[in-house]
N, C-alpha and C. Protein backbone atom coordinates (compact mmCIF):
# COMPACT_ATOMS: atom_id res chain seq x y z
N MET A 1 7.68 22.76 -2.64
CA MET A 1 7.72 21.62 -3.54
C MET A 1 6.72 20.57 -3.04
N SER A 2 6.02 19.98 -3.96
CA SER A 2 5.04 18.95 -3.64
C SER A 2 5.55 17.59 -4.10
N GLU A 3 5.48 16.61 -3.22
CA GLU A 3 5.88 15.25 -3.57
C GLU A 3 4.70 14.33 -3.34
N ARG A 4 4.69 13.23 -4.07
CA ARG A 4 3.63 12.23 -3.91
C ARG A 4 4.28 10.89 -3.63
N THR A 5 3.66 10.13 -2.77
CA THR A 5 4.14 8.81 -2.40
C THR A 5 2.97 7.85 -2.34
N LEU A 6 3.19 6.66 -2.84
CA LEU A 6 2.19 5.60 -2.76
C LEU A 6 2.47 4.78 -1.50
N VAL A 7 1.46 4.60 -0.69
CA VAL A 7 1.59 3.79 0.53
C VAL A 7 0.67 2.58 0.38
N LEU A 8 1.24 1.40 0.56
CA LEU A 8 0.46 0.16 0.51
C LEU A 8 0.52 -0.51 1.87
N VAL A 9 -0.60 -1.00 2.33
CA VAL A 9 -0.63 -1.79 3.55
C VAL A 9 -0.83 -3.24 3.13
N LYS A 10 0.11 -4.08 3.52
CA LYS A 10 0.05 -5.48 3.12
C LYS A 10 -1.13 -6.19 3.78
N PRO A 11 -1.54 -7.32 3.21
CA PRO A 11 -2.72 -8.03 3.73
C PRO A 11 -2.66 -8.33 5.23
N ASP A 12 -1.49 -8.67 5.75
CA ASP A 12 -1.43 -8.97 7.19
C ASP A 12 -1.69 -7.72 8.02
N GLY A 13 -1.26 -6.55 7.53
CA GLY A 13 -1.55 -5.30 8.22
C GLY A 13 -3.03 -4.96 8.21
N VAL A 14 -3.67 -5.26 7.09
CA VAL A 14 -5.12 -5.03 7.00
C VAL A 14 -5.85 -5.96 7.95
N SER A 15 -5.49 -7.24 7.94
CA SER A 15 -6.17 -8.21 8.81
C SER A 15 -5.93 -7.93 10.29
N ARG A 16 -4.82 -7.27 10.61
CA ARG A 16 -4.51 -6.90 12.00
C ARG A 16 -5.11 -5.55 12.38
N GLY A 17 -5.84 -4.93 11.44
CA GLY A 17 -6.52 -3.67 11.73
C GLY A 17 -5.60 -2.47 11.85
N LEU A 18 -4.51 -2.45 11.08
CA LEU A 18 -3.52 -1.39 11.20
C LEU A 18 -3.67 -0.25 10.21
N VAL A 19 -4.66 -0.31 9.33
CA VAL A 19 -4.82 0.74 8.31
C VAL A 19 -5.02 2.10 8.97
N GLY A 20 -5.87 2.17 9.97
CA GLY A 20 -6.10 3.43 10.67
C GLY A 20 -4.85 3.97 11.32
N GLU A 21 -4.05 3.09 11.91
CA GLU A 21 -2.80 3.50 12.54
C GLU A 21 -1.82 4.04 11.51
N VAL A 22 -1.74 3.41 10.36
CA VAL A 22 -0.86 3.89 9.29
C VAL A 22 -1.27 5.30 8.87
N ILE A 23 -2.57 5.50 8.67
CA ILE A 23 -3.07 6.82 8.28
C ILE A 23 -2.78 7.85 9.38
N SER A 24 -3.00 7.48 10.63
CA SER A 24 -2.74 8.39 11.75
C SER A 24 -1.29 8.81 11.81
N ARG A 25 -0.38 7.88 11.62
CA ARG A 25 1.04 8.21 11.67
C ARG A 25 1.44 9.16 10.55
N ILE A 26 0.87 8.94 9.38
CA ILE A 26 1.14 9.84 8.25
C ILE A 26 0.68 11.25 8.59
N GLU A 27 -0.53 11.37 9.12
CA GLU A 27 -1.08 12.69 9.45
C GLU A 27 -0.35 13.34 10.62
N ARG A 28 0.10 12.56 11.61
CA ARG A 28 0.86 13.13 12.74
C ARG A 28 2.18 13.73 12.29
N LYS A 29 2.72 13.23 11.19
CA LYS A 29 3.96 13.79 10.64
C LYS A 29 3.70 15.07 9.86
N GLY A 30 2.45 15.49 9.78
CA GLY A 30 2.11 16.72 9.08
C GLY A 30 1.89 16.55 7.59
N LEU A 31 1.80 15.32 7.16
CA LEU A 31 1.57 15.04 5.74
C LEU A 31 0.08 15.01 5.46
N THR A 32 -0.28 15.27 4.23
CA THR A 32 -1.68 15.32 3.83
C THR A 32 -1.99 14.19 2.86
N LEU A 33 -3.09 13.50 3.10
CA LEU A 33 -3.55 12.48 2.17
C LEU A 33 -4.32 13.16 1.06
N SER A 34 -3.92 12.92 -0.18
CA SER A 34 -4.63 13.52 -1.30
C SER A 34 -5.68 12.57 -1.87
N ALA A 35 -5.53 11.28 -1.61
CA ALA A 35 -6.49 10.29 -2.09
C ALA A 35 -6.32 9.03 -1.26
N LEU A 36 -7.38 8.26 -1.20
CA LEU A 36 -7.35 7.00 -0.46
C LEU A 36 -8.23 6.01 -1.21
N GLU A 37 -7.67 4.85 -1.49
CA GLU A 37 -8.43 3.79 -2.16
C GLU A 37 -8.22 2.49 -1.40
N LEU A 38 -9.28 1.78 -1.19
CA LEU A 38 -9.20 0.44 -0.61
C LEU A 38 -9.58 -0.53 -1.70
N LYS A 39 -8.67 -1.46 -1.99
CA LYS A 39 -8.92 -2.41 -3.07
C LYS A 39 -8.59 -3.82 -2.62
N ASN A 40 -9.36 -4.76 -3.09
CA ASN A 40 -9.06 -6.17 -2.94
C ASN A 40 -8.67 -6.67 -4.32
N VAL A 41 -7.47 -7.20 -4.43
CA VAL A 41 -6.97 -7.67 -5.72
C VAL A 41 -6.92 -9.20 -5.69
N ASP A 42 -7.48 -9.82 -6.71
CA ASP A 42 -7.43 -11.28 -6.76
C ASP A 42 -6.03 -11.73 -7.16
N ARG A 43 -5.72 -12.97 -6.88
CA ARG A 43 -4.37 -13.50 -7.10
C ARG A 43 -3.93 -13.37 -8.56
N GLY A 44 -4.82 -13.64 -9.50
CA GLY A 44 -4.47 -13.55 -10.92
C GLY A 44 -4.05 -12.15 -11.32
N THR A 45 -4.79 -11.15 -10.84
CA THR A 45 -4.44 -9.76 -11.15
C THR A 45 -3.10 -9.39 -10.53
N ALA A 46 -2.87 -9.81 -9.30
CA ALA A 46 -1.60 -9.52 -8.63
C ALA A 46 -0.44 -10.18 -9.37
N GLU A 47 -0.60 -11.44 -9.77
CA GLU A 47 0.47 -12.13 -10.50
C GLU A 47 0.76 -11.45 -11.83
N GLN A 48 -0.27 -11.01 -12.51
CA GLN A 48 -0.09 -10.31 -13.79
C GLN A 48 0.64 -8.98 -13.56
N HIS A 49 0.25 -8.26 -12.53
CA HIS A 49 0.85 -6.95 -12.24
C HIS A 49 2.34 -7.08 -11.91
N TYR A 50 2.71 -8.11 -11.16
CA TYR A 50 4.09 -8.28 -10.73
C TYR A 50 4.90 -9.25 -11.58
N ALA A 51 4.37 -9.66 -12.73
CA ALA A 51 5.04 -10.65 -13.59
C ALA A 51 6.45 -10.24 -13.96
N GLU A 52 6.69 -8.96 -14.20
CA GLU A 52 8.03 -8.50 -14.61
C GLU A 52 9.06 -8.71 -13.50
N HIS A 53 8.61 -8.89 -12.26
CA HIS A 53 9.53 -9.07 -11.14
C HIS A 53 9.71 -10.54 -10.76
N ASP A 54 9.05 -11.44 -11.46
CA ASP A 54 9.13 -12.86 -11.14
C ASP A 54 10.59 -13.33 -11.19
N GLY A 55 11.01 -13.99 -10.14
CA GLY A 55 12.37 -14.50 -10.08
C GLY A 55 13.36 -13.56 -9.41
N ASN A 56 12.97 -12.31 -9.16
CA ASN A 56 13.85 -11.38 -8.45
C ASN A 56 13.89 -11.74 -6.98
N LEU A 57 14.99 -11.44 -6.33
CA LEU A 57 15.17 -11.82 -4.94
C LEU A 57 14.17 -11.15 -4.00
N PHE A 58 13.68 -9.98 -4.35
CA PHE A 58 12.78 -9.27 -3.44
C PHE A 58 11.34 -9.72 -3.56
N CYS A 59 11.03 -10.64 -4.44
CA CYS A 59 9.65 -11.12 -4.60
C CYS A 59 9.37 -12.27 -3.69
């Protein structure tokens, strides 16, 4: 069975240089990366994307 998971590294993790470590840990567990994208999202795009969650406790 094949499963897919989205992994996001938060901005503080990126600024601390942890992206490589995250990828290494995934690969050490025997998992395979099928795709990798690095994106910078502006605040307006992020707010629009998460608008449906506005006011929820986890935001």
